[in-house]
Amino acid sequence: MIKPSTRLKTTKKTHKALQVFSKFAIMCVLTIFSIMIVLEKFETHALESGVIIFIITIIMWLGYKYLDVHLDHYTYEEFLVVVWVPIGAILCYMLNIYGGLGGVLSTAITGTIASFLPVLNKKSEYLKKLPPAIYCGSFIGMSSIEIAPSINFVIIAGILAGLFLLMSKSIFLGVGGKLGMVAFGGVLMVSFVYWCYVWLGL
C-alpha cells in the first residue's frame, strides 16, 4: 500500500513537471512567434534579422527567469472553463469566413458578446471566467483561410489552446498578450502537423 506521504511527493513532482513543461512550451512559442515576425519584417536583411531575434530571445528568457510572474504553487484552470476556447474559436471563425466580416471585426464581436455573459448572473463565479476563454478562442477564429483552411483545423487548434490555457493558469501572471500567445500555440501545433502531413505526401 502506498503511503500518503509518498503519494503526496509523487503528486508534487507531477505538478512541478507540468509547470516546467508549460513554461518551456510557452517560451518556445513566444520565441518562434518573435522569429516569424522579425523574418517577415526583415526578410531581405539577414544580419539585422539575426541580431534582433537574438536580442529579443535573450530578453524574453531572462525575463522568464528573473521576473516574478509565476505562482509558487501550481493550479489548473477549470475544465468547464477551457471548453469555451474551441467554442469561441468556432463562433469567431464562422463570423470571419462564412459571415465575411473579417478577422478583426469577428474577434471584436465575439469578445464583446462574451463580455456580457457575467451579466446573466452577477453572482456566478463561473460566468465571470468565461469571457477570457472565449476571447482566447476568438484569436484562433480570426485566422485567414490560408492559415486555417477548415473548421476542423479551428476545432483542433481550439482544443489544444484550451489545454495550454488549462495548464498555464499559475504562470506568466500579468503578462500582456497571454491569451493571444496561447491561441497562437494551438494554431502553431496544428499548422506544424498539417505541414508535416503535406510534406510527407500523406
N, C-alpha and C. Protein backbone atom coordinates (compact mmCIF):
# COMPACT_ATOMS: atom_id res chain seq x y z
N MET A 1 0.84 -1.21 0.00
CA MET A 1 0.00 0.00 0.00
C MET A 1 0.88 1.26 0.00
N ILE A 2 0.54 2.20 -0.86
CA ILE A 2 1.33 3.43 -0.99
C ILE A 2 1.02 4.37 0.17
N LYS A 3 2.05 4.84 0.83
CA LYS A 3 1.89 5.76 1.94
C LYS A 3 1.41 7.12 1.44
N PRO A 4 0.58 7.82 2.25
CA PRO A 4 0.09 9.15 1.85
C PRO A 4 1.22 10.13 1.55
N SER A 5 2.31 10.06 2.33
CA SER A 5 3.43 10.97 2.12
C SER A 5 4.11 10.72 0.78
N THR A 6 4.20 9.42 0.40
CA THR A 6 4.80 9.07 -0.89
C THR A 6 3.92 9.54 -2.04
N ARG A 7 2.60 9.35 -1.87
CA ARG A 7 1.65 9.79 -2.89
C ARG A 7 1.71 11.31 -3.06
N LEU A 8 1.85 12.02 -1.95
CA LEU A 8 1.92 13.48 -1.99
C LEU A 8 3.18 13.95 -2.71
N LYS A 9 4.30 13.29 -2.44
CA LYS A 9 5.55 13.65 -3.11
C LYS A 9 5.45 13.41 -4.61
N THR A 10 4.83 12.28 -4.98
CA THR A 10 4.66 11.96 -6.40
C THR A 10 3.79 12.99 -7.09
N THR A 11 2.71 13.40 -6.41
CA THR A 11 1.81 14.41 -6.96
C THR A 11 2.52 15.74 -7.15
N LYS A 12 3.32 16.13 -6.17
CA LYS A 12 4.07 17.38 -6.26
C LYS A 12 5.06 17.35 -7.42
N LYS A 13 5.71 16.20 -7.60
CA LYS A 13 6.66 16.05 -8.70
C LYS A 13 5.96 16.15 -10.04
N THR A 14 4.76 15.55 -10.12
CA THR A 14 3.99 15.62 -11.37
C THR A 14 3.59 17.05 -11.68
N HIS A 15 3.09 17.76 -10.67
CA HIS A 15 2.70 19.16 -10.86
C HIS A 15 3.91 20.01 -11.26
N LYS A 16 5.03 19.75 -10.61
CA LYS A 16 6.25 20.50 -10.92
C LYS A 16 6.69 20.26 -12.35
N ALA A 17 6.61 19.00 -12.79
CA ALA A 17 6.99 18.66 -14.16
C ALA A 17 6.08 19.34 -15.17
N LEU A 18 4.77 19.36 -14.88
CA LEU A 18 3.82 20.03 -15.77
C LEU A 18 4.07 21.52 -15.81
N GLN A 19 4.42 22.10 -14.67
CA GLN A 19 4.70 23.54 -14.63
C GLN A 19 5.92 23.88 -15.46
N VAL A 20 6.98 23.09 -15.31
CA VAL A 20 8.20 23.33 -16.09
C VAL A 20 7.93 23.15 -17.58
N PHE A 21 7.17 22.10 -17.92
CA PHE A 21 6.83 21.86 -19.32
C PHE A 21 6.02 23.01 -19.89
N SER A 22 5.03 23.49 -19.13
CA SER A 22 4.17 24.59 -19.59
C SER A 22 4.99 25.85 -19.82
N LYS A 23 5.86 26.18 -18.87
CA LYS A 23 6.70 27.37 -19.02
C LYS A 23 7.59 27.26 -20.25
N PHE A 24 8.23 26.10 -20.40
CA PHE A 24 9.14 25.90 -21.53
C PHE A 24 8.40 25.96 -22.85
N ALA A 25 7.22 25.32 -22.91
CA ALA A 25 6.44 25.31 -24.15
C ALA A 25 6.01 26.71 -24.54
N ILE A 26 5.55 27.49 -23.56
CA ILE A 26 5.10 28.86 -23.84
C ILE A 26 6.27 29.73 -24.28
N MET A 27 7.42 29.57 -23.64
CA MET A 27 8.59 30.35 -24.03
C MET A 27 9.04 29.99 -25.45
N CYS A 28 8.94 28.72 -25.81
CA CYS A 28 9.29 28.30 -27.17
C CYS A 28 8.33 28.91 -28.18
N VAL A 29 7.03 28.93 -27.84
CA VAL A 29 6.04 29.54 -28.72
C VAL A 29 6.34 31.03 -28.90
N LEU A 30 6.65 31.72 -27.81
CA LEU A 30 7.00 33.14 -27.89
C LEU A 30 8.23 33.37 -28.76
N THR A 31 9.22 32.51 -28.61
CA THR A 31 10.45 32.64 -29.39
C THR A 31 10.17 32.45 -30.87
N ILE A 32 9.41 31.40 -31.21
CA ILE A 32 9.07 31.14 -32.61
C ILE A 32 8.24 32.29 -33.18
N PHE A 33 7.30 32.79 -32.38
CA PHE A 33 6.46 33.90 -32.82
C PHE A 33 7.30 35.13 -33.13
N SER A 34 8.24 35.43 -32.26
CA SER A 34 9.13 36.59 -32.46
C SER A 34 9.98 36.41 -33.71
N ILE A 35 10.48 35.20 -33.90
CA ILE A 35 11.30 34.92 -35.09
C ILE A 35 10.50 35.13 -36.36
N MET A 36 9.26 34.63 -36.37
CA MET A 36 8.41 34.76 -37.57
C MET A 36 8.12 36.22 -37.88
N ILE A 37 7.84 37.01 -36.85
CA ILE A 37 7.55 38.43 -37.06
C ILE A 37 8.77 39.16 -37.63
N VAL A 38 9.92 38.91 -37.04
CA VAL A 38 11.15 39.59 -37.48
C VAL A 38 11.52 39.17 -38.90
N LEU A 39 11.41 37.88 -39.19
CA LEU A 39 11.77 37.40 -40.53
C LEU A 39 10.84 37.97 -41.59
N GLU A 40 9.57 38.13 -41.25
CA GLU A 40 8.63 38.71 -42.21
C GLU A 40 8.92 40.19 -42.44
N LYS A 41 9.35 40.87 -41.39
CA LYS A 41 9.62 42.31 -41.50
C LYS A 41 10.95 42.58 -42.18
N PHE A 42 11.94 41.75 -41.90
CA PHE A 42 13.28 41.97 -42.43
C PHE A 42 13.74 40.77 -43.26
N GLU A 43 12.87 40.30 -44.15
CA GLU A 43 13.18 39.09 -44.90
C GLU A 43 14.36 39.25 -45.85
N THR A 44 14.71 40.48 -46.20
CA THR A 44 15.84 40.71 -47.10
C THR A 44 17.07 41.22 -46.37
N HIS A 45 17.01 41.25 -45.04
CA HIS A 45 18.14 41.74 -44.24
C HIS A 45 18.51 40.68 -43.20
N ALA A 46 19.31 39.73 -43.63
CA ALA A 46 19.63 38.58 -42.78
C ALA A 46 20.36 38.97 -41.51
N LEU A 47 21.34 39.88 -41.61
CA LEU A 47 22.12 40.27 -40.44
C LEU A 47 21.27 40.98 -39.40
N GLU A 48 20.48 41.97 -39.86
CA GLU A 48 19.61 42.70 -38.95
C GLU A 48 18.61 41.76 -38.28
N SER A 49 18.07 40.84 -39.06
CA SER A 49 17.11 39.88 -38.53
C SER A 49 17.75 39.03 -37.44
N GLY A 50 18.95 38.55 -37.71
CA GLY A 50 19.64 37.71 -36.73
C GLY A 50 19.91 38.43 -35.42
N VAL A 51 20.35 39.67 -35.52
CA VAL A 51 20.66 40.46 -34.31
C VAL A 51 19.39 40.72 -33.50
N ILE A 52 18.32 41.14 -34.19
CA ILE A 52 17.06 41.44 -33.50
C ILE A 52 16.49 40.19 -32.83
N ILE A 53 16.50 39.07 -33.55
CA ILE A 53 15.99 37.82 -32.99
C ILE A 53 16.79 37.41 -31.76
N PHE A 54 18.11 37.56 -31.83
CA PHE A 54 18.97 37.20 -30.71
C PHE A 54 18.66 38.05 -29.48
N ILE A 55 18.53 39.37 -29.69
CA ILE A 55 18.26 40.29 -28.57
C ILE A 55 16.90 39.99 -27.93
N ILE A 56 15.88 39.84 -28.78
CA ILE A 56 14.53 39.57 -28.27
C ILE A 56 14.49 38.26 -27.49
N THR A 57 15.15 37.23 -28.03
CA THR A 57 15.16 35.93 -27.37
C THR A 57 15.83 35.99 -26.01
N ILE A 58 16.98 36.68 -25.94
CA ILE A 58 17.70 36.81 -24.67
C ILE A 58 16.85 37.55 -23.63
N ILE A 59 16.21 38.65 -24.06
CA ILE A 59 15.38 39.43 -23.14
C ILE A 59 14.21 38.59 -22.60
N MET A 60 13.56 37.83 -23.49
CA MET A 60 12.42 37.02 -23.06
C MET A 60 12.83 35.96 -22.06
N TRP A 61 13.92 35.25 -22.34
CA TRP A 61 14.34 34.18 -21.45
C TRP A 61 14.88 34.71 -20.13
N LEU A 62 15.51 35.88 -20.14
CA LEU A 62 15.95 36.49 -18.89
C LEU A 62 14.74 36.94 -18.06
N GLY A 63 13.75 37.50 -18.76
CA GLY A 63 12.52 37.90 -18.07
C GLY A 63 11.81 36.71 -17.46
N TYR A 64 11.79 35.61 -18.19
CA TYR A 64 11.17 34.38 -17.68
C TYR A 64 11.86 33.91 -16.40
N LYS A 65 13.17 34.04 -16.37
CA LYS A 65 13.95 33.52 -15.24
C LYS A 65 13.88 34.42 -14.01
N TYR A 66 13.90 35.74 -14.23
CA TYR A 66 14.07 36.65 -13.10
C TYR A 66 12.82 37.42 -12.69
N LEU A 67 11.82 37.54 -13.58
CA LEU A 67 10.62 38.28 -13.20
C LEU A 67 9.68 37.41 -12.38
N ASP A 68 8.99 38.02 -11.44
CA ASP A 68 8.07 37.30 -10.57
C ASP A 68 6.69 37.24 -11.23
N VAL A 69 6.54 36.34 -12.19
CA VAL A 69 5.28 36.24 -12.93
C VAL A 69 4.65 34.85 -12.79
N HIS A 70 5.11 34.06 -11.82
CA HIS A 70 4.58 32.72 -11.61
C HIS A 70 4.20 32.54 -10.14
N LEU A 71 3.16 31.76 -9.91
CA LEU A 71 2.80 31.41 -8.55
C LEU A 71 3.73 30.32 -8.02
N ASP A 72 3.94 30.30 -6.71
CA ASP A 72 4.77 29.26 -6.11
C ASP A 72 4.08 27.90 -6.16
N HIS A 73 2.76 27.90 -6.04
CA HIS A 73 2.02 26.65 -6.13
C HIS A 73 1.39 26.53 -7.52
N TYR A 74 1.15 25.31 -7.94
CA TYR A 74 0.66 25.08 -9.29
C TYR A 74 -0.83 24.83 -9.28
N THR A 75 -1.57 25.57 -10.09
CA THR A 75 -3.01 25.40 -10.19
C THR A 75 -3.42 25.26 -11.65
N TYR A 76 -4.57 24.64 -11.86
CA TYR A 76 -5.09 24.44 -13.20
C TYR A 76 -6.36 25.25 -13.39
N GLU A 77 -6.60 25.64 -14.63
CA GLU A 77 -7.88 26.27 -14.94
C GLU A 77 -8.94 25.18 -14.97
N GLU A 78 -10.18 25.54 -14.69
CA GLU A 78 -11.26 24.56 -14.68
C GLU A 78 -11.55 24.05 -16.09
N PHE A 79 -11.85 22.75 -16.19
CA PHE A 79 -12.14 22.14 -17.48
C PHE A 79 -13.37 22.78 -18.12
N LEU A 80 -14.40 23.04 -17.31
CA LEU A 80 -15.63 23.63 -17.83
C LEU A 80 -15.44 25.07 -18.28
N VAL A 81 -14.29 25.64 -17.99
CA VAL A 81 -13.96 26.98 -18.48
C VAL A 81 -13.22 26.88 -19.81
N VAL A 82 -12.23 26.01 -19.88
CA VAL A 82 -11.39 25.93 -21.08
C VAL A 82 -12.14 25.33 -22.27
N VAL A 83 -13.26 24.62 -22.04
CA VAL A 83 -14.02 24.09 -23.17
C VAL A 83 -14.60 25.21 -24.01
N TRP A 84 -14.65 26.42 -23.45
CA TRP A 84 -15.18 27.55 -24.21
C TRP A 84 -14.15 28.15 -25.17
N VAL A 85 -12.92 27.70 -25.07
CA VAL A 85 -11.90 28.18 -26.02
C VAL A 85 -12.23 27.72 -27.44
N PRO A 86 -12.43 26.40 -27.69
CA PRO A 86 -12.82 26.00 -29.05
C PRO A 86 -14.18 26.55 -29.48
N ILE A 87 -15.09 26.74 -28.52
CA ILE A 87 -16.39 27.32 -28.86
C ILE A 87 -16.21 28.75 -29.36
N GLY A 88 -15.39 29.52 -28.67
CA GLY A 88 -15.10 30.88 -29.12
C GLY A 88 -14.42 30.90 -30.46
N ALA A 89 -13.54 29.93 -30.69
CA ALA A 89 -12.83 29.84 -31.98
C ALA A 89 -13.80 29.56 -33.12
N ILE A 90 -14.73 28.65 -32.88
CA ILE A 90 -15.71 28.29 -33.92
C ILE A 90 -16.63 29.48 -34.23
N LEU A 91 -17.13 30.13 -33.19
CA LEU A 91 -18.03 31.27 -33.39
C LEU A 91 -17.35 32.38 -34.19
N CYS A 92 -16.11 32.69 -33.81
CA CYS A 92 -15.38 33.75 -34.50
C CYS A 92 -15.06 33.36 -35.93
N TYR A 93 -14.69 32.10 -36.14
CA TYR A 93 -14.35 31.62 -37.49
C TYR A 93 -15.57 31.69 -38.41
N MET A 94 -16.73 31.34 -37.88
CA MET A 94 -17.95 31.39 -38.69
C MET A 94 -18.28 32.83 -39.09
N LEU A 95 -18.10 33.77 -38.16
CA LEU A 95 -18.32 35.18 -38.49
C LEU A 95 -17.28 35.67 -39.49
N ASN A 96 -16.05 35.21 -39.29
CA ASN A 96 -14.93 35.66 -40.11
C ASN A 96 -15.02 35.14 -41.54
N ILE A 97 -15.15 33.83 -41.68
CA ILE A 97 -15.10 33.20 -43.01
C ILE A 97 -16.48 33.10 -43.65
N TYR A 98 -17.42 32.48 -42.94
CA TYR A 98 -18.75 32.28 -43.52
C TYR A 98 -19.58 33.57 -43.53
N GLY A 99 -19.36 34.41 -42.53
CA GLY A 99 -20.09 35.67 -42.50
C GLY A 99 -19.41 36.78 -43.27
N GLY A 100 -18.13 36.58 -43.62
CA GLY A 100 -17.39 37.56 -44.41
C GLY A 100 -17.11 38.86 -43.68
N LEU A 101 -17.06 38.82 -42.35
CA LEU A 101 -16.85 40.06 -41.59
C LEU A 101 -15.39 40.42 -41.40
N GLY A 102 -14.50 39.47 -41.67
CA GLY A 102 -13.08 39.74 -41.46
C GLY A 102 -12.65 39.38 -40.04
N GLY A 103 -11.35 39.17 -39.86
CA GLY A 103 -10.83 38.71 -38.59
C GLY A 103 -11.00 39.68 -37.44
N VAL A 104 -10.69 40.95 -37.68
CA VAL A 104 -10.73 41.95 -36.60
C VAL A 104 -12.14 42.17 -36.08
N LEU A 105 -13.08 42.40 -37.00
CA LEU A 105 -14.46 42.65 -36.59
C LEU A 105 -15.08 41.41 -35.94
N SER A 106 -14.75 40.23 -36.47
CA SER A 106 -15.28 38.98 -35.91
C SER A 106 -14.80 38.77 -34.49
N THR A 107 -13.52 39.05 -34.25
CA THR A 107 -12.97 38.92 -32.90
C THR A 107 -13.61 39.93 -31.95
N ALA A 108 -13.81 41.15 -32.44
CA ALA A 108 -14.43 42.20 -31.61
C ALA A 108 -15.85 41.82 -31.23
N ILE A 109 -16.60 41.28 -32.18
CA ILE A 109 -17.99 40.89 -31.90
C ILE A 109 -18.03 39.73 -30.91
N THR A 110 -17.19 38.73 -31.15
CA THR A 110 -17.15 37.56 -30.26
C THR A 110 -16.75 37.96 -28.84
N GLY A 111 -15.72 38.79 -28.73
CA GLY A 111 -15.27 39.23 -27.41
C GLY A 111 -16.29 40.09 -26.70
N THR A 112 -16.98 40.94 -27.46
CA THR A 112 -18.00 41.82 -26.86
C THR A 112 -19.17 41.00 -26.32
N ILE A 113 -19.63 40.04 -27.12
CA ILE A 113 -20.72 39.17 -26.67
C ILE A 113 -20.32 38.41 -25.41
N ALA A 114 -19.08 37.89 -25.42
CA ALA A 114 -18.59 37.13 -24.26
C ALA A 114 -18.53 37.98 -23.00
N SER A 115 -18.22 39.26 -23.17
CA SER A 115 -18.07 40.15 -22.01
C SER A 115 -19.39 40.37 -21.27
N PHE A 116 -20.52 40.11 -21.95
CA PHE A 116 -21.82 40.31 -21.32
C PHE A 116 -22.35 39.05 -20.63
N LEU A 117 -21.66 37.93 -20.77
CA LEU A 117 -22.13 36.69 -20.15
C LEU A 117 -22.26 36.80 -18.62
N PRO A 118 -21.30 37.44 -17.93
CA PRO A 118 -21.45 37.56 -16.47
C PRO A 118 -22.69 38.34 -16.04
N VAL A 119 -23.24 39.15 -16.94
CA VAL A 119 -24.43 39.93 -16.61
C VAL A 119 -25.65 39.02 -16.41
N LEU A 120 -25.62 37.84 -17.07
CA LEU A 120 -26.74 36.91 -16.96
C LEU A 120 -26.96 36.48 -15.51
N ASN A 121 -25.89 36.37 -14.77
CA ASN A 121 -25.97 36.04 -13.34
C ASN A 121 -24.75 36.63 -12.64
N LYS A 122 -24.91 37.79 -12.06
CA LYS A 122 -23.78 38.51 -11.48
C LYS A 122 -23.16 37.79 -10.29
N LYS A 123 -23.89 36.85 -9.70
CA LYS A 123 -23.36 36.11 -8.57
C LYS A 123 -22.56 34.87 -8.99
N SER A 124 -22.62 34.54 -10.25
CA SER A 124 -21.96 33.33 -10.75
C SER A 124 -20.47 33.57 -10.98
N GLU A 125 -19.63 32.86 -10.24
CA GLU A 125 -18.19 32.95 -10.44
C GLU A 125 -17.78 32.26 -11.74
N TYR A 126 -18.56 31.26 -12.13
CA TYR A 126 -18.27 30.53 -13.36
C TYR A 126 -18.40 31.42 -14.59
N LEU A 127 -19.49 32.17 -14.67
CA LEU A 127 -19.71 33.04 -15.82
C LEU A 127 -18.64 34.12 -15.93
N LYS A 128 -18.10 34.54 -14.79
CA LYS A 128 -17.05 35.57 -14.80
C LYS A 128 -15.76 35.07 -15.44
N LYS A 129 -15.58 33.75 -15.46
CA LYS A 129 -14.36 33.17 -16.00
C LYS A 129 -14.45 32.88 -17.50
N LEU A 130 -15.64 32.97 -18.07
CA LEU A 130 -15.83 32.59 -19.47
C LEU A 130 -15.30 33.59 -20.50
N PRO A 131 -15.47 34.91 -20.30
CA PRO A 131 -15.01 35.86 -21.33
C PRO A 131 -13.56 35.69 -21.76
N PRO A 132 -12.59 35.53 -20.84
CA PRO A 132 -11.20 35.35 -21.29
C PRO A 132 -11.01 34.10 -22.14
N ALA A 133 -11.69 33.00 -21.77
CA ALA A 133 -11.56 31.76 -22.53
C ALA A 133 -12.13 31.91 -23.94
N ILE A 134 -13.30 32.53 -24.04
CA ILE A 134 -13.92 32.74 -25.35
C ILE A 134 -13.10 33.71 -26.18
N TYR A 135 -12.60 34.75 -25.55
CA TYR A 135 -11.77 35.73 -26.26
C TYR A 135 -10.48 35.08 -26.76
N CYS A 136 -9.92 34.18 -25.97
CA CYS A 136 -8.73 33.44 -26.39
C CYS A 136 -9.04 32.64 -27.66
N GLY A 137 -10.18 31.96 -27.66
CA GLY A 137 -10.57 31.19 -28.83
C GLY A 137 -10.80 32.05 -30.05
N SER A 138 -11.28 33.27 -29.84
CA SER A 138 -11.56 34.16 -30.98
C SER A 138 -10.29 34.51 -31.75
N PHE A 139 -9.14 34.49 -31.06
CA PHE A 139 -7.88 34.76 -31.75
C PHE A 139 -7.55 33.66 -32.76
N ILE A 140 -8.04 32.46 -32.49
CA ILE A 140 -7.87 31.36 -33.44
C ILE A 140 -8.84 31.55 -34.60
N GLY A 141 -10.08 31.88 -34.27
CA GLY A 141 -11.10 32.04 -35.29
C GLY A 141 -10.88 33.19 -36.24
N MET A 142 -10.03 34.16 -35.86
CA MET A 142 -9.78 35.30 -36.73
C MET A 142 -8.75 34.98 -37.81
N SER A 143 -8.21 33.77 -37.80
CA SER A 143 -7.21 33.37 -38.79
C SER A 143 -7.80 33.39 -40.19
N SER A 144 -6.97 33.70 -41.17
CA SER A 144 -7.42 33.70 -42.56
C SER A 144 -7.59 32.28 -43.06
N ILE A 145 -8.22 32.13 -44.21
CA ILE A 145 -8.46 30.82 -44.79
C ILE A 145 -7.16 30.14 -45.18
N GLU A 146 -6.12 30.94 -45.43
CA GLU A 146 -4.81 30.37 -45.76
C GLU A 146 -4.17 29.71 -44.54
N ILE A 147 -4.41 30.27 -43.37
CA ILE A 147 -3.86 29.71 -42.13
C ILE A 147 -4.74 28.59 -41.59
N ALA A 148 -6.03 28.84 -41.53
CA ALA A 148 -6.99 27.86 -41.03
C ALA A 148 -7.93 27.48 -42.18
N PRO A 149 -7.57 26.47 -42.97
CA PRO A 149 -8.33 26.16 -44.18
C PRO A 149 -9.68 25.50 -43.95
N SER A 150 -9.96 25.03 -42.74
CA SER A 150 -11.23 24.35 -42.50
C SER A 150 -11.67 24.53 -41.05
N ILE A 151 -12.94 24.22 -40.81
CA ILE A 151 -13.47 24.32 -39.45
C ILE A 151 -12.85 23.27 -38.55
N ASN A 152 -12.46 22.12 -39.14
CA ASN A 152 -11.80 21.07 -38.35
C ASN A 152 -10.46 21.56 -37.80
N PHE A 153 -9.73 22.31 -38.62
CA PHE A 153 -8.46 22.90 -38.18
C PHE A 153 -8.69 23.79 -36.97
N VAL A 154 -9.74 24.60 -37.03
CA VAL A 154 -10.05 25.54 -35.95
C VAL A 154 -10.44 24.79 -34.68
N ILE A 155 -11.21 23.73 -34.82
CA ILE A 155 -11.65 22.96 -33.65
C ILE A 155 -10.45 22.33 -32.94
N ILE A 156 -9.56 21.71 -33.71
CA ILE A 156 -8.39 21.06 -33.12
C ILE A 156 -7.47 22.09 -32.47
N ALA A 157 -7.25 23.21 -33.18
CA ALA A 157 -6.41 24.28 -32.61
C ALA A 157 -7.04 24.83 -31.34
N GLY A 158 -8.37 24.94 -31.32
CA GLY A 158 -9.07 25.42 -30.14
C GLY A 158 -8.92 24.48 -28.95
N ILE A 159 -8.99 23.18 -29.22
CA ILE A 159 -8.82 22.19 -28.15
C ILE A 159 -7.41 22.26 -27.57
N LEU A 160 -6.41 22.35 -28.45
CA LEU A 160 -5.02 22.43 -27.98
C LEU A 160 -4.79 23.72 -27.19
N ALA A 161 -5.34 24.82 -27.68
CA ALA A 161 -5.20 26.09 -26.96
C ALA A 161 -5.89 26.00 -25.60
N GLY A 162 -7.01 25.29 -25.55
CA GLY A 162 -7.69 25.09 -24.27
C GLY A 162 -6.83 24.32 -23.28
N LEU A 163 -6.11 23.32 -23.78
CA LEU A 163 -5.20 22.56 -22.92
C LEU A 163 -4.06 23.45 -22.42
N PHE A 164 -3.54 24.30 -23.32
CA PHE A 164 -2.48 25.23 -22.91
C PHE A 164 -2.99 26.18 -21.82
N LEU A 165 -4.21 26.67 -22.01
CA LEU A 165 -4.80 27.59 -21.04
C LEU A 165 -5.02 26.89 -19.70
N LEU A 166 -5.44 25.64 -19.77
CA LEU A 166 -5.67 24.86 -18.56
C LEU A 166 -4.40 24.72 -17.73
N MET A 167 -3.28 24.49 -18.41
CA MET A 167 -2.02 24.25 -17.70
C MET A 167 -1.27 25.53 -17.32
N SER A 168 -1.66 26.65 -17.91
CA SER A 168 -0.87 27.88 -17.71
C SER A 168 -1.52 28.88 -16.76
N LYS A 169 -2.48 28.43 -15.97
CA LYS A 169 -3.20 29.36 -15.09
C LYS A 169 -2.28 30.06 -14.10
N SER A 170 -1.30 29.33 -13.56
CA SER A 170 -0.46 29.89 -12.50
C SER A 170 0.87 30.43 -12.99
N ILE A 171 1.03 30.55 -14.31
CA ILE A 171 2.30 31.07 -14.83
C ILE A 171 2.06 32.27 -15.73
N PHE A 172 3.06 33.12 -15.85
CA PHE A 172 3.01 34.34 -16.66
C PHE A 172 1.85 35.24 -16.25
N LEU A 173 1.68 35.40 -14.94
CA LEU A 173 0.60 36.25 -14.42
C LEU A 173 0.89 37.71 -14.72
N GLY A 174 -0.11 38.41 -15.23
CA GLY A 174 0.04 39.83 -15.50
C GLY A 174 0.82 40.15 -16.76
N VAL A 175 1.21 39.13 -17.52
CA VAL A 175 1.95 39.36 -18.75
C VAL A 175 0.97 39.63 -19.88
N GLY A 176 1.13 40.74 -20.57
CA GLY A 176 0.23 41.10 -21.65
C GLY A 176 0.37 40.15 -22.84
N GLY A 177 -0.76 39.87 -23.48
CA GLY A 177 -0.73 39.01 -24.66
C GLY A 177 -0.76 37.53 -24.37
N LYS A 178 -1.05 37.14 -23.13
CA LYS A 178 -1.03 35.72 -22.77
C LYS A 178 -2.09 34.94 -23.54
N LEU A 179 -3.30 35.49 -23.67
CA LEU A 179 -4.37 34.79 -24.38
C LEU A 179 -4.03 34.61 -25.85
N GLY A 180 -3.48 35.66 -26.46
CA GLY A 180 -3.08 35.55 -27.86
C GLY A 180 -1.96 34.55 -28.05
N MET A 181 -1.05 34.51 -27.10
CA MET A 181 0.07 33.57 -27.16
C MET A 181 -0.44 32.13 -27.05
N VAL A 182 -1.40 31.91 -26.16
CA VAL A 182 -1.99 30.58 -26.00
C VAL A 182 -2.69 30.15 -27.29
N ALA A 183 -3.44 31.08 -27.89
CA ALA A 183 -4.12 30.79 -29.15
C ALA A 183 -3.12 30.49 -30.26
N PHE A 184 -2.06 31.28 -30.32
CA PHE A 184 -1.02 31.07 -31.32
C PHE A 184 -0.38 29.70 -31.15
N GLY A 185 -0.20 29.27 -29.90
CA GLY A 185 0.38 27.95 -29.64
C GLY A 185 -0.47 26.85 -30.23
N GLY A 186 -1.80 26.96 -30.08
CA GLY A 186 -2.69 25.96 -30.66
C GLY A 186 -2.62 25.93 -32.17
N VAL A 187 -2.64 27.12 -32.79
CA VAL A 187 -2.55 27.21 -34.25
C VAL A 187 -1.21 26.70 -34.74
N LEU A 188 -0.15 27.04 -34.01
CA LEU A 188 1.20 26.62 -34.40
C LEU A 188 1.33 25.11 -34.41
N MET A 189 0.80 24.45 -33.38
CA MET A 189 0.90 22.99 -33.29
C MET A 189 0.15 22.31 -34.43
N VAL A 190 -1.07 22.77 -34.70
CA VAL A 190 -1.85 22.16 -35.78
C VAL A 190 -1.23 22.45 -37.13
N SER A 191 -0.71 23.66 -37.32
CA SER A 191 -0.05 24.03 -38.58
C SER A 191 1.18 23.16 -38.82
N PHE A 192 1.92 22.89 -37.75
CA PHE A 192 3.12 22.05 -37.87
C PHE A 192 2.75 20.63 -38.29
N VAL A 193 1.72 20.07 -37.65
CA VAL A 193 1.27 18.72 -38.01
C VAL A 193 0.76 18.69 -39.44
N TYR A 194 0.00 19.72 -39.83
CA TYR A 194 -0.53 19.80 -41.19
C TYR A 194 0.59 19.93 -42.21
N TRP A 195 1.62 20.73 -41.87
CA TRP A 195 2.77 20.89 -42.76
C TRP A 195 3.50 19.57 -42.94
N CYS A 196 3.68 18.83 -41.85
CA CYS A 196 4.34 17.52 -41.92
C CYS A 196 3.51 16.56 -42.77
N TYR A 197 2.20 16.63 -42.62
CA TYR A 197 1.29 15.78 -43.39
C TYR A 197 1.43 16.05 -44.89
N VAL A 198 1.47 17.32 -45.26
CA VAL A 198 1.62 17.70 -46.67
C VAL A 198 3.02 17.36 -47.18
N TRP A 199 4.03 17.65 -46.37
CA TRP A 199 5.42 17.42 -46.76
C TRP A 199 5.71 15.94 -47.00
N LEU A 200 5.09 15.09 -46.18
CA LEU A 200 5.28 13.65 -46.33
C LEU A 200 4.40 13.07 -47.43
N GLY A 201 3.49 13.89 -47.96
CA GLY A 201 2.64 13.45 -49.05
C GLY A 201 1.59 12.44 -48.64
N LEU A 202 1.13 12.54 -47.39
CA LEU A 202 0.14 11.60 -46.88
C LEU A 202 -1.28 12.02 -47.25
